[in-house]
Amino acid sequence: MSLTNIARIFFQKRWKELERHQTEGETLQRDVLRHLLEQAKDTEYGRNHLFGAAKSYEDFVRSTPVTTYEEVKNDIDRMRHGETDVLWPGRVKWYAKSSGTTNDKSKFIPVSPDGLKHLHYKGGADVVALYLRNNPQSRMFDGRGLILGGSHAPNYNLPGSLVGDLSAILIENINPVVNLVRVPSKKTALLSDFEVKRDRIAREAMTKNVTNLSGVPSWMLSVLDRVMELSGKEHLEEVWPNLEVFFHGGVAFTPYREQYEKLITSPKMHYMETYNASEGFFGIQDDPNDKSMLLMLDYDVFYEFIPMDSANLGGLPVPLWAVETGKNYAMVISTSCGLWRYMIGDTIRFTSTNPYKFVISGRTKSFINAFGEELIVDNAEQGLAYACQKTGAVVSEYTAAPVFMDDNAKCRHQWVIEFTKAPADLSEFAAILDRKLQEVNSDYEAKRYKDITLQPLEIIEARPNLFNDWLKAHGKLGGQHKVPRLSNDRKIIEQLLKM
């Protein structure tokens, strides 16, 4: 019996459990909250916020405020210095260095042993479970998985406390059995110099029977390009004839899809999106014909959602069972890593509530609302995909920011776009993008009306590798780091323009 068939038998029990997501969302989430409060009631945070007395969601809300990183930073700092029972029972040794922020300060997200097991690894296992359920012909375990990871950052470490990209923490703590079915070697996977690592990964993986890929689309593409250079082949399936799936997350796949489809022409290739962040593992694309993801409700994470139409996110969070489809929500989480009613910074939009399915619509800080236009990343992705489809262009990276006023007192949005394949006419591309943004965002359309508030958008074509060079200059090359897509100020775009 093949390894894949053995795995299929192993996952059958989980397939049954996942059926509860269809009809028992509220029950699952109330159970998770009860479990988290019981576990943490004797921590310092739990005592201060009356976790032991909380008998319901309403009790929890009354005694626990919504928090941001800045508000728990001191507690996390104490944990990194070795204090126990602060936000979660016991001592937390690992911290994921998060770059999901537009300021230069790093966030150190606690990753407890419970969080590793019941949040991060559980998500990884469910991705495989759902993929095997949907693909009875799969042979993924009969070969190797190419898994991209980040690195540890010893300069941030304190005695007894270790810092790294989440992917590096997962690789460091993974069950040794998994190392038998993955490439590259652990030593290569944890290298900090991405350019050296990229070459080594390509050389190590080329000769293996790689059946599946896992990683961030932008960095994976860079590694695959190196594989193609070294192999001299035209398509990836000539190097790995049994390649069947790419599990991707970290950034939206839309800008990269066309490049992957040109690189991998095999009709048996599958793509499966995941929503895993430094703070936890939240969603999986459970249906290959539906771009939305299933919200994972029985992990160690309790969800709440703040409607994004409330001024400056000043509205009250609602629990999962009170959400509506079609609205943008900022996500708030409580987890077994010791984050309590914590604003993660991402926004999502539900496409279904039975089961609870969603798409990521952007970041609470990654938007442009300089003139009341409320442009979010989801709008930008739709607009770019449409402009590429109409002009044959391929976008690899982009960022946009407002121009508040030029010499003629004109306001507009300025985009810096790095093309893999540039459009024949950049002004036509800009016009199509501008029209599509008006179509998908009524606020943007209103501000563009007769060019009164906003002028047509401007596109500056970036030189090759500009975005990678910016990441390198900021010590963020590789891993899950990315240039913020939309900014409400000009700090990042000015740095790019200077380069």
Protein backbone atom coordinates (compact mmCIF):
# COMPACT_ATOMS: atom_id res chain seq x y z
CA MET A 1 0.00 0.00 0.00
CA SER A 2 1.37 3.45 -0.95
CA LEU A 3 2.13 6.14 1.65
CA THR A 4 -0.65 8.31 0.17
CA ASN A 5 -3.24 5.55 0.65
CA ILE A 6 -2.11 5.06 4.25
CA ALA A 7 -2.47 8.82 4.80
CA ARG A 8 -5.96 8.71 3.28
CA ILE A 9 -7.05 6.10 5.86
CA PHE A 10 -5.50 8.20 8.64
CA PHE A 11 -7.51 11.30 7.57
CA GLN A 12 -10.92 9.62 7.22
CA LYS A 13 -11.87 10.35 10.85
CA ARG A 14 -11.04 14.02 10.33
CA TRP A 15 -13.26 14.18 7.23
CA LYS A 16 -16.21 13.20 9.45
CA GLU A 17 -15.32 15.82 12.09
CA LEU A 18 -15.07 18.57 9.48
CA GLU A 19 -18.69 17.95 8.48
CA ARG A 20 -19.70 19.75 11.71
CA HIS A 21 -18.48 22.99 10.09
CA GLN A 22 -21.52 22.82 7.80
CA THR A 23 -24.17 23.20 10.49
CA GLU A 24 -22.61 23.60 13.95
CA GLY A 25 -20.46 26.73 13.63
CA GLU A 26 -21.82 28.50 16.70
CA THR A 27 -21.54 25.39 18.89
CA LEU A 28 -17.95 24.77 17.80
CA GLN A 29 -16.96 28.37 18.54
CA ARG A 30 -18.65 28.52 21.96
CA ASP A 31 -16.82 25.27 22.86
CA VAL A 32 -13.50 26.80 21.80
CA LEU A 33 -14.07 29.92 23.92
CA ARG A 34 -14.96 27.81 26.98
CA HIS A 35 -11.82 25.73 26.52
CA LEU A 36 -9.53 28.79 26.10
CA LEU A 37 -10.95 30.56 29.18
CA GLU A 38 -10.64 27.41 31.30
CA GLN A 39 -7.02 26.93 30.24
CA ALA A 40 -6.00 30.54 30.91
CA LYS A 41 -8.08 31.42 34.01
CA ASP A 42 -5.06 31.17 36.35
CA THR A 43 -2.70 33.27 34.22
CA GLU A 44 -2.07 36.88 35.18
CA TYR A 45 -4.20 38.07 32.26
CA GLY A 46 -6.95 35.55 33.07
CA ARG A 47 -7.16 36.66 36.71
CA ASN A 48 -7.17 40.36 35.75
CA HIS A 49 -10.03 39.80 33.29
CA LEU A 50 -12.13 37.39 35.37
CA PHE A 51 -11.82 34.40 33.02
CA GLY A 52 -12.70 32.04 35.88
CA ALA A 53 -16.07 33.73 36.37
CA ALA A 54 -16.98 34.01 32.67
CA LYS A 55 -19.89 31.69 31.92
CA SER A 56 -20.76 33.03 28.47
CA TYR A 57 -19.49 35.01 25.49
CA GLU A 58 -21.21 38.08 26.94
CA ASP A 59 -19.28 37.72 30.25
CA PHE A 60 -16.00 37.44 28.34
CA VAL A 61 -16.75 40.58 26.31
CA ARG A 62 -17.69 42.60 29.41
CA SER A 63 -14.40 41.94 31.18
CA THR A 64 -11.92 41.79 28.28
CA PRO A 65 -11.05 44.75 26.00
CA VAL A 66 -10.20 44.54 22.32
CA THR A 67 -6.41 44.86 21.98
CA THR A 68 -3.72 45.70 19.45
CA TYR A 69 -0.06 44.68 19.52
CA GLU A 70 0.94 47.96 21.15
CA GLU A 71 -1.33 47.19 24.12
CA VAL A 72 0.11 43.72 24.81
CA LYS A 73 3.69 44.48 23.79
CA ASN A 74 4.90 44.89 27.39
CA ASP A 75 3.34 41.56 28.46
CA ILE A 76 4.95 39.81 25.48
CA ASP A 77 8.27 41.44 26.31
CA ARG A 78 8.08 40.06 29.86
CA MET A 79 7.31 36.60 28.45
CA ARG A 80 10.34 36.84 26.15
CA HIS A 81 12.45 37.62 29.22
CA GLY A 82 11.31 34.37 30.84
CA GLU A 83 8.20 35.24 32.92
CA THR A 84 5.64 32.43 33.08
CA ASP A 85 1.81 32.39 33.24
CA VAL A 86 1.44 35.91 31.82
CA LEU A 87 -0.89 35.59 28.79
CA TRP A 88 -0.90 31.78 28.56
CA PRO A 89 -0.02 29.03 31.09
CA GLY A 90 3.63 28.11 31.47
CA ARG A 91 6.61 29.49 29.63
CA VAL A 92 6.49 30.40 25.95
CA LYS A 93 9.84 29.85 24.26
CA TRP A 94 9.11 30.66 20.58
CA TYR A 95 8.13 34.04 19.03
CA ALA A 96 7.19 34.62 15.40
CA LYS A 97 8.64 37.84 14.04
CA SER A 98 5.81 39.34 12.06
CA SER A 99 6.18 41.74 9.16
CA GLY A 100 2.47 42.24 8.65
CA THR A 101 2.81 45.89 9.53
CA THR A 102 3.74 49.03 7.65
CA ASN A 103 5.98 50.43 10.38
CA ASP A 104 9.55 49.25 10.79
CA LYS A 105 9.15 47.95 14.33
CA SER A 106 8.91 44.18 14.54
CA LYS A 107 6.08 42.36 16.22
CA PHE A 108 6.96 39.28 18.27
CA ILE A 109 3.96 36.97 18.30
CA PRO A 110 4.05 34.26 21.01
CA VAL A 111 3.86 30.69 19.69
CA SER A 112 3.03 28.41 22.62
CA PRO A 113 3.31 24.59 22.47
CA ASP A 114 -0.53 24.47 22.52
CA GLY A 115 -0.68 26.98 19.68
CA LEU A 116 1.84 25.02 17.64
CA LYS A 117 -0.14 21.80 18.03
CA HIS A 118 -3.78 22.96 18.03
CA LEU A 119 -3.53 25.97 15.70
CA HIS A 120 -0.61 25.83 13.28
CA TYR A 121 0.06 22.11 12.76
CA LYS A 122 -3.66 21.29 12.91
CA GLY A 123 -4.18 23.69 10.01
CA GLY A 124 -1.37 22.10 8.02
CA ALA A 125 -2.84 18.62 8.59
CA ASP A 126 -6.32 19.77 7.51
CA VAL A 127 -4.97 21.22 4.26
CA VAL A 128 -3.68 17.76 3.37
CA ALA A 129 -6.88 16.09 4.63
CA LEU A 130 -9.11 18.28 2.46
CA TYR A 131 -6.83 17.96 -0.56
CA LEU A 132 -6.86 14.16 -0.36
CA ARG A 133 -10.64 14.17 0.10
CA ASN A 134 -11.06 16.23 -3.07
CA ASN A 135 -8.45 14.31 -5.10
CA PRO A 136 -8.87 10.52 -4.81
CA GLN A 137 -6.18 10.00 -7.48
CA SER A 138 -3.51 11.91 -5.50
CA ARG A 139 -0.08 10.36 -4.98
CA MET A 140 1.43 13.31 -3.12
CA PHE A 141 3.07 11.24 -0.36
CA ASP A 142 4.74 8.96 -2.89
CA GLY A 143 7.21 11.82 -3.51
CA ARG A 144 8.59 14.86 -1.71
CA GLY A 145 7.07 18.17 -0.68
CA LEU A 146 9.09 21.31 -1.43
CA ILE A 147 8.38 23.51 1.59
CA LEU A 148 9.72 27.08 1.69
CA GLY A 149 10.49 28.59 5.07
CA GLY A 150 12.08 31.68 6.57
CA SER A 151 14.90 31.76 9.09
CA HIS A 152 15.64 32.32 12.76
CA ALA A 153 16.85 35.76 13.80
CA PRO A 154 19.48 35.28 16.53
CA ASN A 155 19.93 39.05 16.95
CA TYR A 156 16.43 39.18 18.47
CA ASN A 157 16.87 36.20 20.75
CA LEU A 158 17.02 36.43 24.53
CA PRO A 159 18.21 33.68 26.89
CA GLY A 160 15.54 30.96 26.73
CA SER A 161 13.50 32.76 24.06
CA LEU A 162 13.88 32.17 20.32
CA VAL A 163 12.66 34.33 17.43
CA GLY A 164 12.12 33.42 13.79
CA ASP A 165 9.74 33.58 10.85
CA LEU A 166 6.71 31.44 11.65
CA SER A 167 7.66 29.07 8.81
CA ALA A 168 11.10 28.58 10.39
CA ILE A 169 9.52 27.84 13.79
CA LEU A 170 7.25 25.23 12.17
CA ILE A 171 10.19 23.59 10.38
CA GLU A 172 12.29 23.62 13.57
CA ASN A 173 9.57 21.91 15.64
CA ILE A 174 8.10 19.60 13.00
CA ASN A 175 7.75 15.85 13.59
CA PRO A 176 11.04 14.26 12.35
CA VAL A 177 8.98 11.81 10.25
CA VAL A 178 7.83 14.73 8.06
CA ASN A 179 11.47 15.46 7.18
CA LEU A 180 11.51 12.14 5.32
CA VAL A 181 8.96 13.45 2.79
CA ARG A 182 10.12 17.05 2.36
CA VAL A 183 12.91 19.05 0.74
CA PRO A 184 15.16 20.98 1.21
CA SER A 185 17.27 19.84 4.16
CA LYS A 186 16.53 21.59 7.45
CA LYS A 187 19.94 23.30 7.31
CA THR A 188 19.16 24.80 3.89
CA ALA A 189 15.55 25.63 4.81
CA LEU A 190 16.67 27.80 7.74
CA LEU A 191 19.40 29.79 5.93
CA SER A 192 18.91 33.53 6.37
CA ASP A 193 20.43 34.74 3.06
CA PHE A 194 17.55 34.24 0.62
CA GLU A 195 19.69 34.43 -2.52
CA VAL A 196 22.06 31.69 -1.30
CA LYS A 197 19.08 29.70 0.01
CA ARG A 198 17.19 29.99 -3.29
CA ASP A 199 20.11 28.46 -5.22
CA ARG A 200 20.65 25.66 -2.69
CA ILE A 201 16.95 24.77 -2.55
CA ALA A 202 16.79 24.59 -6.34
CA ARG A 203 19.87 22.34 -6.52
CA GLU A 204 18.66 20.04 -3.71
CA ALA A 205 15.11 19.73 -5.06
CA MET A 206 15.86 19.30 -8.77
CA THR A 207 16.87 15.66 -8.49
CA LYS A 208 14.03 14.65 -6.15
CA ASN A 209 10.55 13.40 -7.06
CA VAL A 210 8.70 16.56 -5.96
CA THR A 211 4.92 16.09 -5.94
CA ASN A 212 3.78 19.15 -3.96
CA LEU A 213 4.85 22.72 -3.20
CA SER A 214 4.09 24.85 -0.11
CA GLY A 215 4.93 28.52 0.35
CA VAL A 216 4.33 32.17 -0.51
CA PRO A 217 3.68 32.56 -4.28
CA SER A 218 6.26 35.31 -4.84
CA TRP A 219 9.16 33.50 -3.13
CA MET A 220 8.21 30.09 -4.54
CA LEU A 221 8.21 31.57 -8.06
CA SER A 222 11.72 32.88 -7.48
CA VAL A 223 12.91 29.38 -6.45
CA LEU A 224 11.13 27.74 -9.41
CA ASP A 225 12.71 30.24 -11.82
CA ARG A 226 16.11 29.12 -10.49
CA VAL A 227 15.12 25.46 -11.00
CA MET A 228 14.29 26.29 -14.63
CA GLU A 229 17.61 28.12 -15.13
CA LEU A 230 19.61 25.19 -13.73
CA SER A 231 17.64 22.48 -15.52
CA GLY A 232 17.41 24.20 -18.91
CA LYS A 233 13.85 22.86 -19.23
CA GLU A 234 10.90 24.82 -20.59
CA HIS A 235 8.18 23.63 -18.20
CA LEU A 236 8.33 22.53 -14.58
CA GLU A 237 6.64 19.17 -15.21
CA GLU A 238 9.71 18.22 -17.29
CA VAL A 239 11.73 18.48 -14.05
CA TRP A 240 9.06 17.02 -11.76
CA PRO A 241 6.64 14.88 -13.82
CA ASN A 242 4.60 13.93 -10.72
CA LEU A 243 4.03 17.49 -9.45
CA GLU A 244 0.32 17.83 -8.62
CA VAL A 245 -0.40 20.66 -6.13
CA PHE A 246 0.77 24.03 -4.82
CA PHE A 247 -0.46 24.94 -1.31
CA HIS A 248 -0.08 28.72 -1.20
CA GLY A 249 -0.75 31.57 1.21
CA GLY A 250 0.74 34.78 2.57
CA VAL A 251 -0.17 37.00 -0.40
CA ALA A 252 -3.00 36.99 -2.93
CA PHE A 253 -2.45 34.46 -5.71
CA THR A 254 -4.27 36.42 -8.44
CA PRO A 255 -1.24 38.46 -9.65
CA TYR A 256 0.85 35.27 -9.92
CA ARG A 257 -1.63 32.77 -11.38
CA GLU A 258 -0.80 33.45 -15.02
CA GLN A 259 2.94 33.07 -14.38
CA TYR A 260 2.38 29.70 -12.68
CA GLU A 261 0.11 28.49 -15.45
CA LYS A 262 2.80 29.31 -18.03
CA LEU A 263 5.46 27.57 -15.96
CA ILE A 264 3.34 24.49 -15.17
CA THR A 265 1.20 23.40 -18.13
CA SER A 266 0.22 19.98 -16.75
CA PRO A 267 -3.60 19.56 -16.65
CA LYS A 268 -3.30 17.60 -13.37
CA MET A 269 -1.85 20.59 -11.47
CA HIS A 270 -3.95 21.91 -8.54
CA TYR A 271 -3.77 25.12 -6.50
CA MET A 272 -5.08 25.37 -2.95
CA GLU A 273 -5.14 28.58 -0.92
CA THR A 274 -4.56 28.72 2.82
CA TYR A 275 -4.86 31.54 5.33
CA ASN A 276 -2.05 31.06 7.81
CA ALA A 277 -0.43 33.98 9.60
CA SER A 278 2.07 34.42 12.44
CA GLU A 279 -0.93 34.65 14.78
CA GLY A 280 -2.59 31.41 13.70
CA PHE A 281 -4.06 29.23 10.96
CA PHE A 282 -7.54 30.41 10.01
CA GLY A 283 -8.80 29.24 6.64
CA ILE A 284 -8.50 26.63 3.89
CA GLN A 285 -9.87 26.53 0.35
CA ASP A 286 -11.90 23.35 0.75
CA ASP A 287 -13.55 23.42 -2.68
CA PRO A 288 -11.30 23.75 -5.78
CA ASN A 289 -14.19 25.37 -7.70
CA ASP A 290 -14.75 28.08 -5.07
CA LYS A 291 -12.12 30.76 -4.43
CA SER A 292 -13.39 31.43 -0.92
CA MET A 293 -11.96 29.60 2.09
CA LEU A 294 -13.58 27.62 4.90
CA LEU A 295 -13.11 29.31 8.29
CA MET A 296 -11.62 26.69 10.62
CA LEU A 297 -13.82 26.69 13.72
CA ASP A 298 -12.52 23.90 15.96
CA TYR A 299 -8.91 25.01 16.40
CA ASP A 300 -7.63 26.95 19.44
CA VAL A 301 -8.96 30.24 18.05
CA PHE A 302 -12.14 32.14 18.89
CA TYR A 303 -13.18 34.73 16.30
CA GLU A 304 -14.90 38.09 16.46
CA PHE A 305 -15.44 40.62 13.68
CA ILE A 306 -15.57 44.43 13.61
CA PRO A 307 -17.66 45.85 10.74
CA MET A 308 -15.29 47.95 8.61
CA ASP A 309 -17.96 50.50 7.80
CA SER A 310 -17.90 51.68 11.40
CA ALA A 311 -15.91 54.91 11.57
CA ASN A 312 -12.20 54.22 12.19
CA LEU A 313 -13.04 50.69 13.32
CA GLY A 314 -14.83 52.18 16.30
CA GLY A 315 -17.74 49.74 16.07
CA LEU A 316 -18.39 46.84 18.42
CA PRO A 317 -17.12 43.39 17.46
CA VAL A 318 -19.72 40.73 16.75
CA PRO A 319 -19.27 36.95 17.24
CA LEU A 320 -19.21 34.58 14.29
CA TRP A 321 -22.93 33.77 14.55
CA ALA A 322 -23.84 37.43 13.99
CA VAL A 323 -21.87 38.09 10.80
CA GLU A 324 -23.48 38.83 7.42
CA THR A 325 -22.28 38.01 3.92
CA GLY A 326 -20.93 40.75 1.68
CA LYS A 327 -19.65 43.02 4.48
CA ASN A 328 -16.01 43.80 5.19
CA TYR A 329 -14.93 42.88 8.72
CA ALA A 330 -11.70 43.39 10.65
CA MET A 331 -10.80 40.11 12.30
CA VAL A 332 -10.34 39.85 16.09
CA ILE A 333 -8.95 36.62 17.61
CA SER A 334 -8.43 34.94 20.98
CA THR A 335 -5.99 32.01 20.86
CA SER A 336 -3.97 29.48 22.81
CA CYS A 337 -0.87 31.55 22.05
CA GLY A 338 -2.14 34.10 24.58
CA LEU A 339 -3.67 36.69 22.24
CA TRP A 340 -6.98 37.93 23.69
CA ARG A 341 -9.51 39.83 21.56
CA TYR A 342 -6.53 40.78 19.43
CA MET A 343 -6.92 42.77 16.21
CA ILE A 344 -4.85 40.86 13.69
CA GLY A 345 -4.92 43.64 11.08
CA ASP A 346 -6.59 41.64 8.28
CA THR A 347 -10.03 42.23 6.83
CA ILE A 348 -12.26 39.52 5.40
CA ARG A 349 -15.62 39.30 3.65
CA PHE A 350 -17.96 36.34 4.17
CA THR A 351 -19.33 34.69 1.04
CA SER A 352 -21.42 32.15 2.98
CA THR A 353 -22.57 31.54 6.56
CA ASN A 354 -23.57 27.90 6.11
CA PRO A 355 -20.77 26.88 6.23
CA TYR A 356 -18.77 29.99 7.14
CA LYS A 357 -16.68 30.80 4.07
CA PHE A 358 -14.78 33.99 3.29
CA VAL A 359 -12.24 35.80 1.14
CA ILE A 360 -9.44 38.00 2.48
CA SER A 361 -10.28 41.55 1.43
CA GLY A 362 -7.22 43.41 2.72
CA ARG A 363 -5.53 44.86 5.78
CA THR A 364 -6.95 47.35 8.25
CA LYS A 365 -3.84 49.47 7.55
CA SER A 366 -3.40 48.53 3.87
CA PHE A 367 -5.89 50.74 2.08
CA ILE A 368 -6.10 54.20 0.59
CA ASN A 369 -8.71 56.49 2.07
CA ALA A 370 -7.03 59.86 1.60
CA PHE A 371 -10.06 61.40 -0.13
CA GLY A 372 -12.95 59.19 1.09
CA GLU A 373 -12.40 56.61 -1.67
CA GLU A 374 -11.92 53.61 0.69
CA LEU A 375 -9.86 51.60 -1.80
CA ILE A 376 -8.95 48.18 -0.37
CA VAL A 377 -6.57 45.46 -1.56
CA ASP A 378 -9.43 43.32 -2.84
CA ASN A 379 -10.41 46.17 -5.23
CA ALA A 380 -6.80 46.57 -6.37
CA GLU A 381 -6.41 42.83 -7.07
CA GLN A 382 -9.62 42.74 -9.11
CA GLY A 383 -8.62 45.83 -11.09
CA LEU A 384 -5.13 44.58 -11.89
CA ALA A 385 -6.36 41.10 -12.87
CA TYR A 386 -8.85 42.69 -15.28
CA ALA A 387 -6.29 45.10 -16.78
CA CYS A 388 -3.83 42.21 -17.27
CA GLN A 389 -6.52 40.09 -18.92
CA LYS A 390 -7.41 42.92 -21.32
CA THR A 391 -3.82 43.88 -22.26
CA GLY A 392 -1.88 40.61 -21.93
CA ALA A 393 0.35 42.17 -19.25
CA VAL A 394 1.68 40.23 -16.24
CA VAL A 395 2.20 42.03 -12.92
CA SER A 396 4.75 40.65 -10.45
CA GLU A 397 4.68 43.33 -7.69
CA TYR A 398 2.94 46.62 -7.01
CA THR A 399 2.22 49.29 -4.44
CA ALA A 400 0.05 52.40 -4.54
CA ALA A 401 -0.31 55.59 -2.52
CA PRO A 402 -2.09 58.94 -2.78
CA VAL A 403 -0.62 62.09 -4.32
CA PHE A 404 -2.21 64.71 -2.10
CA MET A 405 -1.58 67.69 -4.36
CA ASP A 406 0.76 68.50 -7.19
CA ASP A 407 1.72 71.93 -8.57
CA ASN A 408 -1.69 72.18 -10.26
CA ALA A 409 -3.60 71.33 -7.05
CA LYS A 410 -4.48 67.93 -8.48
CA CYS A 411 -4.96 64.80 -6.32
CA ARG A 412 -4.61 61.25 -7.62
CA HIS A 413 -3.42 57.73 -6.84
CA GLN A 414 0.10 56.84 -7.88
CA TRP A 415 0.99 53.19 -8.58
CA VAL A 416 4.46 51.69 -8.86
CA ILE A 417 4.13 48.40 -10.78
CA GLU A 418 6.81 45.86 -11.62
CA PHE A 419 5.76 43.88 -14.67
CA THR A 420 6.97 40.41 -15.67
CA LYS A 421 5.43 41.29 -19.03
CA ALA A 422 4.72 44.97 -19.56
CA PRO A 423 1.63 46.11 -21.51
CA ALA A 424 2.21 47.47 -25.02
CA ASP A 425 0.56 50.73 -23.95
CA LEU A 426 0.99 51.71 -20.30
CA SER A 427 -1.58 54.53 -20.53
CA GLU A 428 -4.20 52.07 -21.87
CA PHE A 429 -3.43 49.72 -18.94
CA ALA A 430 -3.84 52.64 -16.51
CA ALA A 431 -7.18 53.65 -18.07
CA ILE A 432 -8.55 50.09 -17.89
CA LEU A 433 -7.41 49.73 -14.26
CA ASP A 434 -8.98 53.08 -13.38
CA ARG A 435 -12.32 52.14 -14.96
CA LYS A 436 -12.38 48.74 -13.25
CA LEU A 437 -11.67 50.32 -9.83
CA GLN A 438 -14.67 52.62 -10.38
CA GLU A 439 -16.78 49.60 -11.30
CA VAL A 440 -15.88 47.60 -8.14
CA ASN A 441 -15.78 50.52 -5.65
CA SER A 442 -18.60 53.07 -5.62
CA ASP A 443 -16.69 55.42 -3.27
CA TYR A 444 -13.76 55.53 -5.68
CA GLU A 445 -16.20 56.06 -8.55
CA ALA A 446 -17.81 59.00 -6.73
CA LYS A 447 -14.45 60.64 -6.06
CA ARG A 448 -13.41 60.16 -9.71
CA TYR A 449 -16.66 61.73 -10.99
CA LYS A 450 -15.70 64.29 -13.67
CA ASP A 451 -12.14 64.30 -12.25
CA ILE A 452 -13.31 66.75 -9.58
CA THR A 453 -11.80 65.17 -6.44
CA LEU A 454 -9.47 62.59 -7.96
CA GLN A 455 -7.62 62.76 -11.27
CA PRO A 456 -7.01 59.58 -13.31
CA LEU A 457 -4.50 57.30 -11.61
CA GLU A 458 -0.83 57.41 -12.60
CA ILE A 459 1.36 54.32 -13.15
CA ILE A 460 5.15 54.36 -12.85
CA GLU A 461 6.75 51.23 -14.30
CA ALA A 462 9.33 49.83 -11.88
CA ARG A 463 12.71 48.54 -12.98
CA PRO A 464 13.26 44.76 -12.61
CA ASN A 465 13.85 43.59 -9.00
CA LEU A 466 12.98 46.98 -7.46
CA PHE A 467 10.65 45.38 -4.89
CA ASN A 468 13.16 42.66 -3.97
CA ASP A 469 15.85 45.33 -3.56
CA TRP A 470 13.56 47.31 -1.23
CA LEU A 471 12.89 44.17 0.86
CA LYS A 472 16.62 43.41 0.95
CA ALA A 473 17.43 46.96 2.07
CA HIS A 474 14.92 46.55 4.93
CA GLY A 475 16.19 43.07 5.93
CA LYS A 476 12.97 41.43 4.74
CA LEU A 477 14.04 39.33 1.73
CA GLY A 478 12.46 35.85 1.79
CA GLY A 479 9.99 34.25 4.20
CA GLN A 480 6.54 35.80 4.37
CA HIS A 481 7.71 39.41 3.99
CA LYS A 482 6.09 41.60 1.37
CA VAL A 483 5.87 45.24 0.35
CA PRO A 484 2.51 46.66 1.55
CA ARG A 485 0.17 46.88 -1.43
CA LEU A 486 -1.72 50.06 -0.52
CA SER A 487 -0.65 52.85 1.84
CA ASN A 488 -2.48 55.89 3.09
CA ASP A 489 0.79 57.86 3.21
CA ARG A 490 3.77 58.18 0.84
CA LYS A 491 6.55 56.80 3.05
CA ILE A 492 7.04 53.48 1.23
CA ILE A 493 6.36 54.70 -2.31
CA GLU A 494 8.91 57.51 -1.88
CA GLN A 495 11.54 54.97 -0.76
CA LEU A 496 10.79 52.87 -3.85
CA LEU A 497 10.91 55.88 -6.17
CA LYS A 498 14.35 56.86 -4.77
CA MET A 499 15.63 53.36 -5.53
